[in-house]
N, C-alpha and C. Protein backbone atom coordinates (compact mmCIF):
# COMPACT_ATOMS: atom_id res chain seq x y z
N UNK A 1 7.37 -0.61 17.99
CA UNK A 1 6.59 0.58 18.23
C UNK A 1 7.17 1.40 19.38
N UNK A 2 7.72 0.75 20.36
CA UNK A 2 8.24 1.47 21.51
C UNK A 2 9.70 1.83 21.36
N UNK A 3 10.32 1.33 20.29
CA UNK A 3 11.73 1.64 20.05
C UNK A 3 11.90 3.05 19.53
N UNK A 4 13.11 3.48 19.46
CA UNK A 4 13.39 4.83 18.96
C UNK A 4 13.96 4.81 17.55
N UNK A 5 14.03 3.66 16.94
CA UNK A 5 14.62 3.52 15.61
C UNK A 5 13.54 3.49 14.53
N UNK A 6 12.81 4.59 14.38
CA UNK A 6 11.78 4.66 13.35
C UNK A 6 12.45 4.79 12.00
N UNK A 7 11.83 4.29 10.96
CA UNK A 7 12.41 4.44 9.61
C UNK A 7 12.52 5.91 9.23
N UNK A 8 13.47 6.19 8.36
CA UNK A 8 13.63 7.54 7.83
C UNK A 8 12.51 7.81 6.84
N UNK A 9 11.86 8.95 6.91
CA UNK A 9 10.81 9.26 5.94
C UNK A 9 11.35 9.22 4.51
N UNK A 10 10.51 8.80 3.59
CA UNK A 10 10.90 8.65 2.19
C UNK A 10 10.06 9.58 1.32
N UNK A 11 10.68 10.17 0.32
CA UNK A 11 9.96 11.03 -0.63
C UNK A 11 9.55 10.26 -1.88
N UNK A 12 9.89 8.99 -1.94
CA UNK A 12 9.55 8.17 -3.10
C UNK A 12 8.03 7.98 -3.16
N UNK A 13 7.39 8.21 -4.32
CA UNK A 13 5.96 7.99 -4.43
C UNK A 13 5.61 6.54 -4.05
N UNK A 14 4.63 6.39 -3.19
CA UNK A 14 4.28 5.08 -2.63
C UNK A 14 2.80 4.82 -2.82
N UNK A 15 2.47 3.58 -3.15
CA UNK A 15 1.07 3.16 -3.25
C UNK A 15 0.83 2.04 -2.25
N UNK A 16 -0.36 2.05 -1.67
CA UNK A 16 -0.75 1.00 -0.74
C UNK A 16 -2.05 0.40 -1.24
N UNK A 17 -2.08 -0.90 -1.34
CA UNK A 17 -3.30 -1.63 -1.68
C UNK A 17 -3.63 -2.49 -0.46
N UNK A 18 -4.67 -2.12 0.24
CA UNK A 18 -5.07 -2.83 1.45
C UNK A 18 -6.22 -3.77 1.09
N UNK A 19 -5.95 -5.06 1.15
CA UNK A 19 -6.95 -6.05 0.77
C UNK A 19 -7.69 -6.56 2.00
N UNK A 20 -8.89 -7.08 1.77
CA UNK A 20 -9.76 -7.55 2.85
C UNK A 20 -9.01 -8.47 3.80
N UNK A 21 -9.34 -8.33 5.04
CA UNK A 21 -8.78 -9.16 6.11
C UNK A 21 -7.30 -8.90 6.38
N UNK A 22 -6.72 -7.92 5.72
CA UNK A 22 -5.33 -7.55 5.99
C UNK A 22 -5.36 -6.24 6.75
N UNK A 23 -4.53 -6.12 7.72
CA UNK A 23 -4.53 -4.92 8.56
C UNK A 23 -3.48 -3.95 8.03
N UNK A 24 -3.92 -2.76 7.69
CA UNK A 24 -2.99 -1.70 7.29
C UNK A 24 -3.07 -0.60 8.34
N UNK A 25 -1.95 -0.06 8.67
CA UNK A 25 -1.91 0.97 9.70
C UNK A 25 -1.60 2.29 9.03
N UNK A 26 -2.65 2.88 8.47
CA UNK A 26 -2.50 4.09 7.67
C UNK A 26 -1.87 5.24 8.45
N UNK A 27 -2.23 5.41 9.70
CA UNK A 27 -1.69 6.54 10.45
C UNK A 27 -0.19 6.44 10.66
N UNK A 28 0.38 5.24 10.56
CA UNK A 28 1.83 5.09 10.67
C UNK A 28 2.51 5.12 9.31
N UNK A 29 1.83 4.64 8.29
CA UNK A 29 2.42 4.58 6.95
C UNK A 29 2.51 5.95 6.30
N UNK A 30 1.47 6.75 6.41
CA UNK A 30 1.44 8.02 5.69
C UNK A 30 2.48 9.04 6.15
N UNK A 31 2.76 9.20 7.43
CA UNK A 31 3.77 10.19 7.80
C UNK A 31 5.19 9.82 7.35
N UNK A 32 5.45 8.55 7.12
CA UNK A 32 6.79 8.11 6.76
C UNK A 32 7.00 7.97 5.25
N UNK A 33 5.93 8.04 4.50
CA UNK A 33 6.01 7.80 3.06
C UNK A 33 5.29 8.89 2.30
N UNK A 34 5.66 9.04 1.06
CA UNK A 34 4.96 9.95 0.15
C UNK A 34 3.83 9.14 -0.48
N UNK A 35 2.79 8.89 0.29
CA UNK A 35 1.69 8.04 -0.17
C UNK A 35 0.83 8.82 -1.15
N UNK A 36 0.87 8.39 -2.41
CA UNK A 36 0.11 9.06 -3.46
C UNK A 36 -1.12 8.25 -3.88
N UNK A 37 -1.20 7.03 -3.39
CA UNK A 37 -2.34 6.17 -3.74
C UNK A 37 -2.59 5.21 -2.58
N UNK A 38 -3.84 5.18 -2.12
CA UNK A 38 -4.22 4.26 -1.04
C UNK A 38 -5.57 3.67 -1.42
N UNK A 39 -5.62 2.35 -1.62
CA UNK A 39 -6.86 1.69 -1.99
C UNK A 39 -7.23 0.62 -0.99
N UNK A 40 -8.51 0.51 -0.74
CA UNK A 40 -9.07 -0.54 0.12
C UNK A 40 -9.88 -1.48 -0.78
N UNK A 41 -9.62 -2.76 -0.66
CA UNK A 41 -10.34 -3.75 -1.46
C UNK A 41 -11.12 -4.68 -0.53
N UNK A 42 -12.30 -5.09 -0.97
CA UNK A 42 -13.14 -5.96 -0.14
C UNK A 42 -12.89 -7.45 -0.41
N UNK A 43 -11.99 -7.73 -1.33
CA UNK A 43 -11.61 -9.12 -1.60
C UNK A 43 -10.11 -9.25 -1.46
N UNK A 44 -9.66 -10.48 -1.39
CA UNK A 44 -8.23 -10.74 -1.26
C UNK A 44 -7.84 -10.87 0.20
N UNK A 45 -6.59 -10.74 0.46
CA UNK A 45 -6.08 -10.89 1.81
C UNK A 45 -4.59 -10.64 1.80
N UNK A 46 -3.89 -11.24 2.74
CA UNK A 46 -2.46 -11.01 2.88
C UNK A 46 -1.68 -11.45 1.63
N UNK A 47 -2.16 -12.46 0.96
CA UNK A 47 -1.50 -12.96 -0.26
C UNK A 47 -2.32 -12.57 -1.49
N UNK A 48 -2.65 -11.30 -1.59
CA UNK A 48 -3.54 -10.81 -2.64
C UNK A 48 -3.05 -11.11 -4.04
N UNK A 49 -1.75 -11.07 -4.26
CA UNK A 49 -1.23 -11.35 -5.61
C UNK A 49 -1.58 -12.77 -6.06
N UNK A 50 -1.76 -13.66 -5.12
CA UNK A 50 -2.17 -15.04 -5.45
C UNK A 50 -3.69 -15.20 -5.39
N UNK A 51 -4.33 -14.49 -4.48
CA UNK A 51 -5.76 -14.66 -4.24
C UNK A 51 -6.63 -13.91 -5.25
N UNK A 52 -6.24 -12.69 -5.57
CA UNK A 52 -6.99 -11.86 -6.52
C UNK A 52 -6.00 -11.13 -7.44
N UNK A 53 -5.29 -11.89 -8.26
CA UNK A 53 -4.23 -11.28 -9.07
C UNK A 53 -4.73 -10.17 -9.99
N UNK A 54 -5.96 -10.27 -10.48
CA UNK A 54 -6.47 -9.24 -11.38
C UNK A 54 -6.59 -7.89 -10.66
N UNK A 55 -7.04 -7.88 -9.41
CA UNK A 55 -7.13 -6.64 -8.65
C UNK A 55 -5.74 -6.07 -8.38
N UNK A 56 -4.84 -6.93 -7.98
CA UNK A 56 -3.48 -6.50 -7.65
C UNK A 56 -2.79 -5.90 -8.86
N UNK A 57 -2.81 -6.62 -9.98
CA UNK A 57 -2.12 -6.16 -11.19
C UNK A 57 -2.74 -4.87 -11.71
N UNK A 58 -4.06 -4.77 -11.71
CA UNK A 58 -4.71 -3.54 -12.17
C UNK A 58 -4.29 -2.35 -11.31
N UNK A 59 -4.21 -2.54 -10.01
CA UNK A 59 -3.84 -1.45 -9.12
C UNK A 59 -2.38 -1.03 -9.35
N UNK A 60 -1.50 -1.98 -9.55
CA UNK A 60 -0.10 -1.67 -9.84
C UNK A 60 0.02 -0.92 -11.16
N UNK A 61 -0.71 -1.36 -12.17
CA UNK A 61 -0.66 -0.70 -13.47
C UNK A 61 -1.14 0.75 -13.39
N UNK A 62 -2.23 0.98 -12.69
CA UNK A 62 -2.76 2.34 -12.55
C UNK A 62 -1.76 3.21 -11.82
N UNK A 63 -1.17 2.69 -10.75
CA UNK A 63 -0.19 3.46 -9.98
C UNK A 63 0.95 3.92 -10.87
N UNK A 64 1.55 3.02 -11.64
CA UNK A 64 2.68 3.40 -12.48
C UNK A 64 2.26 4.29 -13.65
N UNK A 65 1.06 4.10 -14.16
CA UNK A 65 0.57 4.97 -15.24
C UNK A 65 0.41 6.39 -14.73
N UNK A 66 -0.01 6.55 -13.48
CA UNK A 66 -0.19 7.89 -12.91
C UNK A 66 1.15 8.59 -12.65
N UNK A 67 2.23 7.85 -12.55
CA UNK A 67 3.55 8.45 -12.31
C UNK A 67 4.15 9.08 -13.55
N UNK A 68 3.67 8.70 -14.71
CA UNK A 68 4.26 9.20 -15.97
C UNK A 68 4.04 10.68 -16.12
């Protein structure tokens, strides 16, 4: 955070799925990414793909369907 080597901003469409008990830093993510989808879930956690795979997969599917 105190370094001067911030990532280069990206124009690639980006989705964020923030699951319960996981910390997402939206104010840092959005300026550097073309965030087109941001979801907050009340279940899951850091290993959401293992903990709540149905939520994770559904969110990924919707994201890619919206890109078409």
